Amino acid sequence: MTVVTVGSRASHLARAQVAEYLAPLRRRYPHIDFRHRVVAESADKDRRTALIEVSRAAGGAAFAGAQEAALLAKEVDLVVHSFKDLPATPTPGLALLPPPGREDARDALCGSTLDELPEGARVGTSAPRRIAQLLAARPDLRMVPIRGNVPPRLAKAKGPGGLDAVVLAAAGLRRLGRAEDIAELLPVEPFTPSPAQGALGIQIRADDAMLRDLLADLGDHQADAQVCAERAVLTALRSGCDLPLGAYARIRSDGSLSLTARVTALDGTREVAVTATGPATDPEPLGRTVAENLLRHGAGPLLDAARAVTG
């Protein structure tokens, strides 16, 4: 029997994502033994240090570097990532396959709706983009760094003395069966999500023709066009999850691709947003065009100021 070892992080969400991806594969290929292997990332080993510091130490790959190294070393044959956790720059020797569809890309507020939060409410998130966008909408909010698996983060918004709300990806909550914890789904404008949020990043070795052929028809081409356009903005701006950049693409009724990207000052006082449309069959040039327009409208100084803080 052929054995395919599938790597992922150790979290409940990572395990749920692997189970979601492997379910149709196991039905289709009963003669293949798909085995799951946990790979500990630097962000999982150190949950006390600020995420910005952990990301800096890991070269911007705090959620993916160890898994990519295991793939290159042939310790695993395939990795299932949260696509938004992958660095924008491709890793030599590795290839990304089209994602198998996409879950809800929006951010979710848990514990309270935005309008119901009291003046000066304490909201938990460590993501610079979420912090900046929430402060742009509600400058009175007090943002509290929060890390760890989804259930412990949700618990911090419950009970006396806890936070008033926490912000999480709606996709992760749905995949864990915790959609009932969502108080409000934040609209993609102005709360533009991280590039590729809600999609699974399926990564293999570039020279693995067997797996490439095996998985070729599992990808969703519309989702692939969306994430390619969004990540092209990331690449063009030399950005990552440690900067306050959101990008979201959608397929229009005429089949074209509409892409919105937003850069927000870390304190929420300024924002630059751009929307453009292009062919879904060639998404990366659209992403580069949107990135150029962001810079033309003044996003560069906002990103530079954020880099000075995040390193």
C-alpha atoms as a PDB file:
ATOM      1  CA  MET A   1       0.000   0.000   0.000  1.00  0.00           C
ATOM      2  CA  THR A   2       1.257   3.468  -0.922  1.00  0.00           C
ATOM      3  CA  VAL A   3       1.783   5.719   2.103  1.00  0.00           C
ATOM      4  CA  VAL A   4       1.342   9.501   1.909  1.00  0.00           C
ATOM      5  CA  THR A   5       2.339  11.418   5.035  1.00  0.00           C
ATOM      6  CA  VAL A   6       0.420  14.654   5.538  1.00  0.00           C
ATOM      7  CA  GLY A   7       1.894  17.316   7.794  1.00  0.00           C
ATOM      8  CA  SER A   8       0.195  20.089   9.717  1.00  0.00           C
ATOM      9  CA  ARG A   9       0.458  22.119  12.895  1.00  0.00           C
ATOM     10  CA  ALA A  10      -0.739  20.564  16.162  1.00  0.00           C
ATOM     11  CA  SER A  11      -3.782  22.739  16.853  1.00  0.00           C
ATOM     12  CA  HIS A  12      -7.352  21.481  16.840  1.00  0.00           C
ATOM     13  CA  LEU A  13      -7.981  23.702  13.829  1.00  0.00           C
ATOM     14  CA  ALA A  14      -5.012  22.276  11.903  1.00  0.00           C
ATOM     15  CA  ARG A  15      -6.235  18.752  12.601  1.00  0.00           C
ATOM     16  CA  ALA A  16      -9.750  19.687  11.472  1.00  0.00           C
ATOM     17  CA  GLN A  17      -8.360  21.120   8.244  1.00  0.00           C
ATOM     18  CA  VAL A  18      -6.406  17.929   7.540  1.00  0.00           C
ATOM     19  CA  ALA A  19      -9.516  15.822   8.199  1.00  0.00           C
ATOM     20  CA  GLU A  20     -11.554  18.057   5.864  1.00  0.00           C
ATOM     21  CA  TYR A  21      -8.984  17.755   3.075  1.00  0.00           C
ATOM     22  CA  LEU A  22      -8.354  14.023   3.431  1.00  0.00           C
ATOM     23  CA  ALA A  23     -11.993  12.886   3.672  1.00  0.00           C
ATOM     24  CA  PRO A  24     -12.646  12.882  -0.114  1.00  0.00           C
ATOM     25  CA  LEU A  25      -9.144  11.581  -0.833  1.00  0.00           C
ATOM     26  CA  ARG A  26      -9.610   8.555   1.402  1.00  0.00           C
ATOM     27  CA  ARG A  27     -12.905   7.740  -0.314  1.00  0.00           C
ATOM     28  CA  ARG A  28     -11.429   8.128  -3.766  1.00  0.00           C
ATOM     29  CA  TYR A  29      -8.130   6.324  -3.119  1.00  0.00           C
ATOM     30  CA  PRO A  30      -8.780   3.491  -0.631  1.00  0.00           C
ATOM     31  CA  HIS A  31      -5.509   1.850  -1.696  1.00  0.00           C
ATOM     32  CA  ILE A  32      -3.479   4.811  -0.350  1.00  0.00           C
ATOM     33  CA  ASP A  33      -2.684   5.101   3.344  1.00  0.00           C
ATOM     34  CA  PHE A  34      -2.881   8.803   4.212  1.00  0.00           C
ATOM     35  CA  ARG A  35      -1.127   9.348   7.543  1.00  0.00           C
ATOM     36  CA  HIS A  36      -1.175  12.554   9.554  1.00  0.00           C
ATOM     37  CA  ARG A  37       1.981  13.883  11.199  1.00  0.00           C
ATOM     38  CA  VAL A  38       2.163  16.909  13.482  1.00  0.00           C
ATOM     39  CA  VAL A  39       4.995  19.390  12.895  1.00  0.00           C
ATOM     40  CA  ALA A  40       5.567  21.916  15.689  1.00  0.00           C
ATOM     41  CA  GLU A  41       6.062  25.495  14.522  1.00  0.00           C
ATOM     42  CA  SER A  42       7.940  28.218  16.376  1.00  0.00           C
ATOM     43  CA  ALA A  43       4.656  30.062  17.005  1.00  0.00           C
ATOM     44  CA  ASP A  44       3.272  26.909  18.646  1.00  0.00           C
ATOM     45  CA  LYS A  45       6.338  26.284  20.817  1.00  0.00           C
ATOM     46  CA  ASP A  46       6.456  29.842  22.179  1.00  0.00           C
ATOM     47  CA  ARG A  47       3.085  31.323  23.060  1.00  0.00           C
ATOM     48  CA  ARG A  48       4.342  33.813  25.634  1.00  0.00           C
ATOM     49  CA  THR A  49       6.525  36.001  23.446  1.00  0.00           C
ATOM     50  CA  ALA A  50       4.719  38.639  21.380  1.00  0.00           C
ATOM     51  CA  LEU A  51       3.732  37.250  17.993  1.00  0.00           C
ATOM     52  CA  ILE A  52       5.630  40.030  16.209  1.00  0.00           C
ATOM     53  CA  GLU A  53       8.851  38.932  17.950  1.00  0.00           C
ATOM     54  CA  VAL A  54       8.247  35.248  17.170  1.00  0.00           C
ATOM     55  CA  SER A  55       7.555  36.064  13.519  1.00  0.00           C
ATOM     56  CA  ARG A  56      10.695  38.179  13.294  1.00  0.00           C
ATOM     57  CA  ALA A  57      12.837  35.382  14.752  1.00  0.00           C
ATOM     58  CA  ALA A  58      11.338  32.886  12.289  1.00  0.00           C
ATOM     59  CA  GLY A  59      11.990  35.107   9.281  1.00  0.00           C
ATOM     60  CA  GLY A  60       8.279  35.721   8.776  1.00  0.00           C
ATOM     61  CA  ALA A  61       7.455  32.001   8.712  1.00  0.00           C
ATOM     62  CA  ALA A  62       6.417  31.431  12.331  1.00  0.00           C
ATOM     63  CA  PHE A  63       3.415  29.344  11.239  1.00  0.00           C
ATOM     64  CA  ALA A  64       4.896  27.516   8.247  1.00  0.00           C
ATOM     65  CA  GLY A  65       8.704  27.307   8.306  1.00  0.00           C
ATOM     66  CA  ALA A  66       9.061  24.010  10.162  1.00  0.00           C
ATOM     67  CA  GLN A  67       6.424  22.333   8.007  1.00  0.00           C
ATOM     68  CA  GLU A  68       8.150  23.498   4.831  1.00  0.00           C
ATOM     69  CA  ALA A  69      11.472  22.207   6.161  1.00  0.00           C
ATOM     70  CA  ALA A  70       9.875  18.813   6.916  1.00  0.00           C
ATOM     71  CA  LEU A  71       8.490  18.711   3.380  1.00  0.00           C
ATOM     72  CA  LEU A  72      11.868  19.478   1.822  1.00  0.00           C
ATOM     73  CA  ALA A  73      13.503  16.828   4.046  1.00  0.00           C
ATOM     74  CA  LYS A  74      10.883  14.274   2.871  1.00  0.00           C
ATOM     75  CA  GLU A  75       9.670  13.743   6.414  1.00  0.00           C
ATOM     76  CA  VAL A  76       6.188  14.509   5.077  1.00  0.00           C
ATOM     77  CA  ASP A  77       4.867  14.367   1.517  1.00  0.00           C
ATOM     78  CA  LEU A  78       2.185  17.053   1.685  1.00  0.00           C
ATOM     79  CA  VAL A  79       1.298  19.880   4.058  1.00  0.00           C
ATOM     80  CA  VAL A  80      -2.129  21.365   4.752  1.00  0.00           C
ATOM     81  CA  HIS A  81      -1.722  24.988   5.855  1.00  0.00           C
ATOM     82  CA  SER A  82      -4.056  27.799   6.695  1.00  0.00           C
ATOM     83  CA  PHE A  83      -3.237  29.597   3.444  1.00  0.00           C
ATOM     84  CA  LYS A  84      -3.006  33.007   5.104  1.00  0.00           C
ATOM     85  CA  ASP A  85      -0.127  31.739   7.287  1.00  0.00           C
ATOM     86  CA  LEU A  86       2.174  31.102   4.316  1.00  0.00           C
ATOM     87  CA  PRO A  87       4.870  33.674   3.506  1.00  0.00           C
ATOM     88  CA  ALA A  88       4.304  35.603   0.289  1.00  0.00           C
ATOM     89  CA  THR A  89       7.653  34.551  -1.183  1.00  0.00           C
ATOM     90  CA  PRO A  90       7.562  30.992  -2.598  1.00  0.00           C
ATOM     91  CA  THR A  91       9.982  28.517  -1.050  1.00  0.00           C
ATOM     92  CA  PRO A  92      12.353  27.002  -3.662  1.00  0.00           C
ATOM     93  CA  GLY A  93      11.672  23.332  -4.252  1.00  0.00           C
ATOM     94  CA  LEU A  94       8.050  23.525  -3.087  1.00  0.00           C
ATOM     95  CA  ALA A  95       4.807  24.044  -4.992  1.00  0.00           C
ATOM     96  CA  LEU A  96       1.315  25.166  -4.011  1.00  0.00           C
ATOM     97  CA  LEU A  97      -1.706  23.427  -5.507  1.00  0.00           C
ATOM     98  CA  PRO A  98      -5.072  25.143  -6.098  1.00  0.00           C
ATOM     99  CA  PRO A  99      -7.074  25.156  -2.842  1.00  0.00           C
ATOM    100  CA  PRO A 100     -10.118  22.847  -2.575  1.00  0.00           C
ATOM    101  CA  GLY A 101     -12.662  25.651  -2.345  1.00  0.00           C
ATOM    102  CA  ARG A 102     -12.765  28.340   0.301  1.00  0.00           C
ATOM    103  CA  GLU A 103     -14.578  28.841   3.593  1.00  0.00           C
ATOM    104  CA  ASP A 104     -15.960  32.194   4.756  1.00  0.00           C
ATOM    105  CA  ALA A 105     -13.081  34.679   4.476  1.00  0.00           C
ATOM    106  CA  ARG A 106     -14.481  37.213   6.953  1.00  0.00           C
ATOM    107  CA  ASP A 107     -13.332  38.024  10.459  1.00  0.00           C
ATOM    108  CA  ALA A 108     -15.716  37.194  13.281  1.00  0.00           C
ATOM    109  CA  LEU A 109     -16.294  39.130  16.477  1.00  0.00           C
ATOM    110  CA  CYS A 110     -17.056  36.795  19.389  1.00  0.00           C
ATOM    111  CA  GLY A 111     -18.516  37.931  22.704  1.00  0.00           C
ATOM    112  CA  SER A 112     -20.266  41.026  21.394  1.00  0.00           C
ATOM    113  CA  THR A 113     -21.196  42.860  18.227  1.00  0.00           C
ATOM    114  CA  LEU A 114     -19.170  45.946  17.366  1.00  0.00           C
ATOM    115  CA  ASP A 115     -22.067  48.319  18.044  1.00  0.00           C
ATOM    116  CA  GLU A 116     -22.806  46.702  21.416  1.00  0.00           C
ATOM    117  CA  LEU A 117     -19.243  47.006  22.714  1.00  0.00           C
ATOM    118  CA  PRO A 118     -19.109  49.629  25.483  1.00  0.00           C
ATOM    119  CA  GLU A 119     -16.835  52.649  25.335  1.00  0.00           C
ATOM    120  CA  GLY A 120     -13.251  51.556  26.018  1.00  0.00           C
ATOM    121  CA  ALA A 121     -14.063  47.856  25.599  1.00  0.00           C
ATOM    122  CA  ARG A 122     -11.178  45.363  25.705  1.00  0.00           C
ATOM    123  CA  VAL A 123     -10.892  43.330  22.491  1.00  0.00           C
ATOM    124  CA  GLY A 124      -8.463  40.464  22.077  1.00  0.00           C
ATOM    125  CA  THR A 125      -6.323  39.967  18.961  1.00  0.00           C
ATOM    126  CA  SER A 126      -2.601  39.984  18.147  1.00  0.00           C
ATOM    127  CA  ALA A 127      -2.987  40.582  14.399  1.00  0.00           C
ATOM    128  CA  PRO A 128      -1.786  44.058  13.317  1.00  0.00           C
ATOM    129  CA  ARG A 129      -4.347  44.166  10.494  1.00  0.00           C
ATOM    130  CA  ARG A 130      -7.279  43.406  12.812  1.00  0.00           C
ATOM    131  CA  ILE A 131      -6.023  45.872  15.422  1.00  0.00           C
ATOM    132  CA  ALA A 132      -5.652  48.654  12.845  1.00  0.00           C
ATOM    133  CA  GLN A 133      -9.020  48.055  11.190  1.00  0.00           C
ATOM    134  CA  LEU A 134     -10.907  47.888  14.485  1.00  0.00           C
ATOM    135  CA  LEU A 135      -9.259  51.085  15.721  1.00  0.00           C
ATOM    136  CA  ALA A 136     -10.209  52.777  12.443  1.00  0.00           C
ATOM    137  CA  ALA A 137     -13.839  51.895  13.157  1.00  0.00           C
ATOM    138  CA  ARG A 138     -13.743  52.364  16.953  1.00  0.00           C
ATOM    139  CA  PRO A 139     -10.780  54.455  18.190  1.00  0.00           C
ATOM    140  CA  ASP A 140     -11.986  54.034  21.780  1.00  0.00           C
ATOM    141  CA  LEU A 141     -11.343  50.286  21.863  1.00  0.00           C
ATOM    142  CA  ARG A 142      -8.473  48.865  23.915  1.00  0.00           C
ATOM    143  CA  MET A 143      -6.708  46.100  22.007  1.00  0.00           C
ATOM    144  CA  VAL A 144      -5.310  43.234  24.091  1.00  0.00           C
ATOM    145  CA  PRO A 145      -2.710  40.794  22.663  1.00  0.00           C
ATOM    146  CA  ILE A 146      -4.073  37.255  22.657  1.00  0.00           C
ATOM    147  CA  ARG A 147      -2.625  34.020  21.247  1.00  0.00           C
ATOM    148  CA  GLY A 148      -3.188  30.271  21.345  1.00  0.00           C
ATOM    149  CA  ASN A 149      -5.744  27.787  20.082  1.00  0.00           C
ATOM    150  CA  VAL A 150      -9.302  28.825  19.271  1.00  0.00           C
ATOM    151  CA  PRO A 151     -11.121  27.381  22.349  1.00  0.00           C
ATOM    152  CA  PRO A 152      -8.878  29.144  24.932  1.00  0.00           C
ATOM    153  CA  ARG A 153      -9.192  32.409  23.025  1.00  0.00           C
ATOM    154  CA  LEU A 154     -12.971  32.101  22.967  1.00  0.00           C
ATOM    155  CA  ALA A 155     -12.955  31.400  26.698  1.00  0.00           C
ATOM    156  CA  LYS A 156     -11.303  34.769  27.334  1.00  0.00           C
ATOM    157  CA  ALA A 157     -14.468  36.513  26.129  1.00  0.00           C
ATOM    158  CA  LYS A 158     -16.668  34.658  28.604  1.00  0.00           C
ATOM    159  CA  GLY A 159     -17.126  35.047  32.309  1.00  0.00           C
ATOM    160  CA  PRO A 160     -16.356  37.890  34.741  1.00  0.00           C
ATOM    161  CA  GLY A 161     -13.063  39.701  34.342  1.00  0.00           C
ATOM    162  CA  GLY A 162     -12.586  38.505  30.769  1.00  0.00           C
ATOM    163  CA  LEU A 163     -12.317  40.427  27.545  1.00  0.00           C
ATOM    164  CA  ASP A 164     -15.372  42.095  26.055  1.00  0.00           C
ATOM    165  CA  ALA A 165     -14.769  40.367  22.700  1.00  0.00           C
ATOM    166  CA  VAL A 166     -12.175  38.499  20.664  1.00  0.00           C
ATOM    167  CA  VAL A 167     -11.600  38.520  16.903  1.00  0.00           C
ATOM    168  CA  LEU A 168     -11.079  35.245  15.036  1.00  0.00           C
ATOM    169  CA  ALA A 169     -11.364  33.978  11.479  1.00  0.00           C
ATOM    170  CA  ALA A 170     -14.895  32.839  10.708  1.00  0.00           C
ATOM    171  CA  ALA A 171     -13.471  29.946   8.680  1.00  0.00           C
ATOM    172  CA  GLY A 172     -11.681  28.482  11.674  1.00  0.00           C
ATOM    173  CA  LEU A 173     -14.749  28.751  13.880  1.00  0.00           C
ATOM    174  CA  ARG A 174     -16.891  27.003  11.274  1.00  0.00           C
ATOM    175  CA  ARG A 175     -14.349  24.235  10.731  1.00  0.00           C
ATOM    176  CA  LEU A 176     -14.274  23.597  14.481  1.00  0.00           C
ATOM    177  CA  GLY A 177     -18.064  23.558  14.773  1.00  0.00           C
ATOM    178  CA  ARG A 178     -18.028  26.775  16.814  1.00  0.00           C
ATOM    179  CA  ALA A 179     -20.112  28.992  14.509  1.00  0.00           C
ATOM    180  CA  GLU A 180     -22.575  29.554  17.383  1.00  0.00           C
ATOM    181  CA  ASP A 181     -19.853  31.610  19.106  1.00  0.00           C
ATOM    182  CA  ILE A 182     -19.936  34.238  16.358  1.00  0.00           C
ATOM    183  CA  ALA A 183     -21.643  37.422  17.548  1.00  0.00           C
ATOM    184  CA  GLU A 184     -21.004  39.334  14.318  1.00  0.00           C
ATOM    185  CA  LEU A 185     -19.390  38.662  10.968  1.00  0.00           C
ATOM    186  CA  LEU A 186     -17.395  41.775  10.096  1.00  0.00           C
ATOM    187  CA  PRO A 187     -18.042  42.928   6.494  1.00  0.00           C
ATOM    188  CA  VAL A 188     -15.101  42.690   4.065  1.00  0.00           C
ATOM    189  CA  GLU A 189     -15.405  46.435   3.627  1.00  0.00           C
ATOM    190  CA  PRO A 190     -13.998  48.013   5.713  1.00  0.00           C
ATOM    191  CA  PHE A 191     -12.699  44.895   7.511  1.00  0.00           C
ATOM    192  CA  THR A 192     -10.818  43.502   4.527  1.00  0.00           C
ATOM    193  CA  PRO A 193      -9.456  40.070   5.540  1.00  0.00           C
ATOM    194  CA  SER A 194      -5.919  38.759   5.254  1.00  0.00           C
ATOM    195  CA  PRO A 195      -4.947  37.563   1.771  1.00  0.00           C
ATOM    196  CA  ALA A 196      -6.124  33.941   1.257  1.00  0.00           C
ATOM    197  CA  GLN A 197      -7.995  33.857   4.592  1.00  0.00           C
ATOM    198  CA  GLY A 198     -10.445  30.954   4.672  1.00  0.00           C
ATOM    199  CA  ALA A 199      -8.548  28.859   2.108  1.00  0.00           C
ATOM    200  CA  LEU A 200      -6.353  25.812   2.660  1.00  0.00           C
ATOM    201  CA  GLY A 201      -2.789  25.980   1.350  1.00  0.00           C
ATOM    202  CA  ILE A 202      -1.895  22.583  -0.121  1.00  0.00           C
ATOM    203  CA  GLN A 203       1.861  22.309  -0.497  1.00  0.00           C
ATOM    204  CA  ILE A 204       3.965  19.536  -2.045  1.00  0.00           C
ATOM    205  CA  ARG A 205       7.508  19.168  -3.327  1.00  0.00           C
ATOM    206  CA  ALA A 206       7.822  20.699  -6.795  1.00  0.00           C
ATOM    207  CA  ASP A 207       9.244  17.482  -8.249  1.00  0.00           C
ATOM    208  CA  ASP A 208       6.551  15.169  -6.826  1.00  0.00           C
ATOM    209  CA  ALA A 209       4.767  14.310 -10.081  1.00  0.00           C
ATOM    210  CA  MET A 210       2.799  11.463  -8.468  1.00  0.00           C
ATOM    211  CA  LEU A 211       1.078  13.669  -5.905  1.00  0.00           C
ATOM    212  CA  ARG A 212       0.593  16.515  -8.372  1.00  0.00           C
ATOM    213  CA  ASP A 213      -1.276  14.169 -10.723  1.00  0.00           C
ATOM    214  CA  LEU A 214      -3.196  12.540  -7.857  1.00  0.00           C
ATOM    215  CA  LEU A 215      -4.471  15.859  -6.529  1.00  0.00           C
ATOM    216  CA  ALA A 216      -4.812  17.718  -9.826  1.00  0.00           C
ATOM    217  CA  ASP A 217      -8.606  17.762 -10.051  1.00  0.00           C
ATOM    218  CA  LEU A 218      -9.298  18.555  -6.378  1.00  0.00           C
ATOM    219  CA  GLY A 219      -8.592  22.260  -6.736  1.00  0.00           C
ATOM    220  CA  ASP A 220     -11.263  24.943  -7.087  1.00  0.00           C
ATOM    221  CA  HIS A 221     -10.209  27.267  -9.901  1.00  0.00           C
ATOM    222  CA  GLN A 222     -12.324  30.205  -8.738  1.00  0.00           C
ATOM    223  CA  ALA A 223     -10.840  30.013  -5.233  1.00  0.00           C
ATOM    224  CA  ASP A 224      -7.398  29.687  -6.804  1.00  0.00           C
ATOM    225  CA  ALA A 225      -7.922  32.867  -8.832  1.00  0.00           C
ATOM    226  CA  GLN A 226      -9.028  34.717  -5.694  1.00  0.00           C
ATOM    227  CA  VAL A 227      -6.064  33.712  -3.531  1.00  0.00           C
ATOM    228  CA  CYS A 228      -3.548  34.212  -6.356  1.00  0.00           C
ATOM    229  CA  ALA A 229      -4.736  37.800  -6.845  1.00  0.00           C
ATOM    230  CA  GLU A 230      -4.732  38.503  -3.104  1.00  0.00           C
ATOM    231  CA  ARG A 231      -1.279  37.024  -2.536  1.00  0.00           C
ATOM    232  CA  ALA A 232       0.091  38.935  -5.532  1.00  0.00           C
ATOM    233  CA  VAL A 233      -0.677  42.130  -3.588  1.00  0.00           C
ATOM    234  CA  LEU A 234       1.220  40.683  -0.626  1.00  0.00           C
ATOM    235  CA  THR A 235       4.232  39.819  -2.781  1.00  0.00           C
ATOM    236  CA  ALA A 236       4.313  43.134  -4.619  1.00  0.00           C
ATOM    237  CA  LEU A 237       4.252  45.096  -1.356  1.00  0.00           C
ATOM    238  CA  ARG A 238       6.789  42.798   0.354  1.00  0.00           C
ATOM    239  CA  SER A 239       4.215  42.361   3.089  1.00  0.00           C
ATOM    240  CA  GLY A 240       3.110  39.582   5.428  1.00  0.00           C
ATOM    241  CA  CYS A 241       0.764  38.781   8.294  1.00  0.00           C
ATOM    242  CA  ASP A 242       2.752  41.129  10.546  1.00  0.00           C
ATOM    243  CA  LEU A 243       1.636  44.186   8.540  1.00  0.00           C
ATOM    244  CA  PRO A 244      -1.821  45.840   8.444  1.00  0.00           C
ATOM    245  CA  LEU A 245      -2.743  44.769   4.915  1.00  0.00           C
ATOM    246  CA  GLY A 246      -6.011  43.174   3.826  1.00  0.00           C
ATOM    247  CA  ALA A 247      -6.913  41.887   0.366  1.00  0.00           C
ATOM    248  CA  TYR A 248     -10.071  40.189  -0.853  1.00  0.00           C
ATOM    249  CA  ALA A 249     -11.088  39.105  -4.361  1.00  0.00           C
ATOM    250  CA  ARG A 250     -14.482  37.957  -5.572  1.00  0.00           C
ATOM    251  CA  ILE A 251     -15.780  36.541  -8.835  1.00  0.00           C
ATOM    252  CA  ARG A 252     -18.294  38.913 -10.452  1.00  0.00           C
ATOM    253  CA  SER A 253     -21.454  37.819 -12.268  1.00  0.00           C
ATOM    254  CA  ASP A 254     -19.713  38.369 -15.618  1.00  0.00           C
ATOM    255  CA  GLY A 255     -16.878  36.005 -14.632  1.00  0.00           C
ATOM    256  CA  SER A 256     -14.304  38.747 -14.037  1.00  0.00           C
ATOM    257  CA  LEU A 257     -12.357  39.166 -10.807  1.00  0.00           C
ATOM    258  CA  SER A 258     -12.816  42.156  -8.495  1.00  0.00           C
ATOM    259  CA  LEU A 259      -9.990  42.748  -6.021  1.00  0.00           C
ATOM    260  CA  THR A 260     -10.015  45.138  -3.052  1.00  0.00           C
ATOM    261  CA  ALA A 261      -6.929  45.772  -0.930  1.00  0.00           C
ATOM    262  CA  ARG A 262      -6.605  47.988   2.136  1.00  0.00           C
ATOM    263  CA  VAL A 263      -3.642  49.288   4.143  1.00  0.00           C
ATOM    264  CA  THR A 264      -4.424  50.816   7.535  1.00  0.00           C
ATOM    265  CA  ALA A 265      -2.189  52.746   9.914  1.00  0.00           C
ATOM    266  CA  LEU A 266      -1.492  50.710  13.051  1.00  0.00           C
ATOM    267  CA  ASP A 267      -3.344  53.279  15.157  1.00  0.00           C
ATOM    268  CA  GLY A 268      -6.300  53.316  12.760  1.00  0.00           C
ATOM    269  CA  THR A 269      -5.976  57.005  11.915  1.00  0.00           C
ATOM    270  CA  ARG A 270      -5.405  56.563   8.165  1.00  0.00           C
ATOM    271  CA  GLU A 271      -6.448  54.063   5.515  1.00  0.00           C
ATOM    272  CA  VAL A 272      -5.790  53.579   1.821  1.00  0.00           C
ATOM    273  CA  ALA A 273      -8.107  51.261  -0.106  1.00  0.00           C
ATOM    274  CA  VAL A 274      -8.098  50.372  -3.810  1.00  0.00           C
ATOM    275  CA  THR A 275     -10.424  48.237  -5.934  1.00  0.00           C
ATOM    276  CA  ALA A 276      -9.761  47.044  -9.485  1.00  0.00           C
ATOM    277  CA  THR A 277     -11.165  44.440 -11.864  1.00  0.00           C
ATOM    278  CA  GLY A 278      -9.462  42.035 -14.247  1.00  0.00           C
ATOM    279  CA  PRO A 279      -9.757  38.622 -15.883  1.00  0.00           C
ATOM    280  CA  ALA A 280     -10.046  35.685 -13.474  1.00  0.00           C
ATOM    281  CA  THR A 281      -7.885  33.679 -15.865  1.00  0.00           C
ATOM    282  CA  ASP A 282      -4.868  35.903 -15.132  1.00  0.00           C
ATOM    283  CA  PRO A 283      -5.158  37.043 -11.498  1.00  0.00           C
ATOM    284  CA  GLU A 284      -1.585  37.938 -10.563  1.00  0.00           C
ATOM    285  CA  PRO A 285      -1.268  41.036 -12.808  1.00  0.00           C
ATOM    286  CA  LEU A 286      -4.459  42.329 -11.168  1.00  0.00           C
ATOM    287  CA  GLY A 287      -2.834  41.940  -7.763  1.00  0.00           C
ATOM    288  CA  ARG A 288       0.263  43.802  -8.892  1.00  0.00           C
ATOM    289  CA  THR A 289      -1.879  46.608 -10.351  1.00  0.00           C
ATOM    290  CA  VAL A 290      -3.768  46.995  -7.085  1.00  0.00           C
ATOM    291  CA  ALA A 291      -0.482  47.067  -5.142  1.00  0.00           C
ATOM    292  CA  GLU A 292       0.869  49.800  -7.437  1.00  0.00           C
ATOM    293  CA  ASN A 293      -2.322  51.827  -6.981  1.00  0.00           C
ATOM    294  CA  LEU A 294      -2.076  51.469  -3.197  1.00  0.00           C
ATOM    295  CA  LEU A 295       1.424  52.918  -3.288  1.00  0.00           C
ATOM    296  CA  ARG A 296       0.303  55.664  -5.663  1.00  0.00           C
ATOM    297  CA  HIS A 297      -2.396  56.679  -3.177  1.00  0.00           C
ATOM    298  CA  GLY A 298      -0.066  56.842  -0.187  1.00  0.00           C
ATOM    299  CA  ALA A 299       0.061  53.341   1.313  1.00  0.00           C
ATOM    300  CA  GLY A 300       3.879  53.244   1.291  1.00  0.00           C
ATOM    301  CA  PRO A 301       4.415  55.466   4.369  1.00  0.00           C
ATOM    302  CA  LEU A 302       1.775  53.486   6.295  1.00  0.00           C
ATOM    303  CA  LEU A 303       3.567  50.206   5.530  1.00  0.00           C
ATOM    304  CA  ASP A 304       6.966  51.714   6.335  1.00  0.00           C
ATOM    305  CA  ALA A 305       5.675  52.950   9.702  1.00  0.00           C
ATOM    306  CA  ALA A 306       4.290  49.487  10.440  1.00  0.00           C
ATOM    307  CA  ARG A 307       7.599  47.846   9.455  1.00  0.00           C
ATOM    308  CA  ALA A 308       9.431  50.157  11.846  1.00  0.00           C
ATOM    309  CA  VAL A 309       7.302  48.711  14.660  1.00  0.00           C
ATOM    310  CA  THR A 310       7.194  45.062  13.565  1.00  0.00           C
ATOM    311  CA  GLY A 311      10.753  44.834  12.245  1.00  0.00           C
END
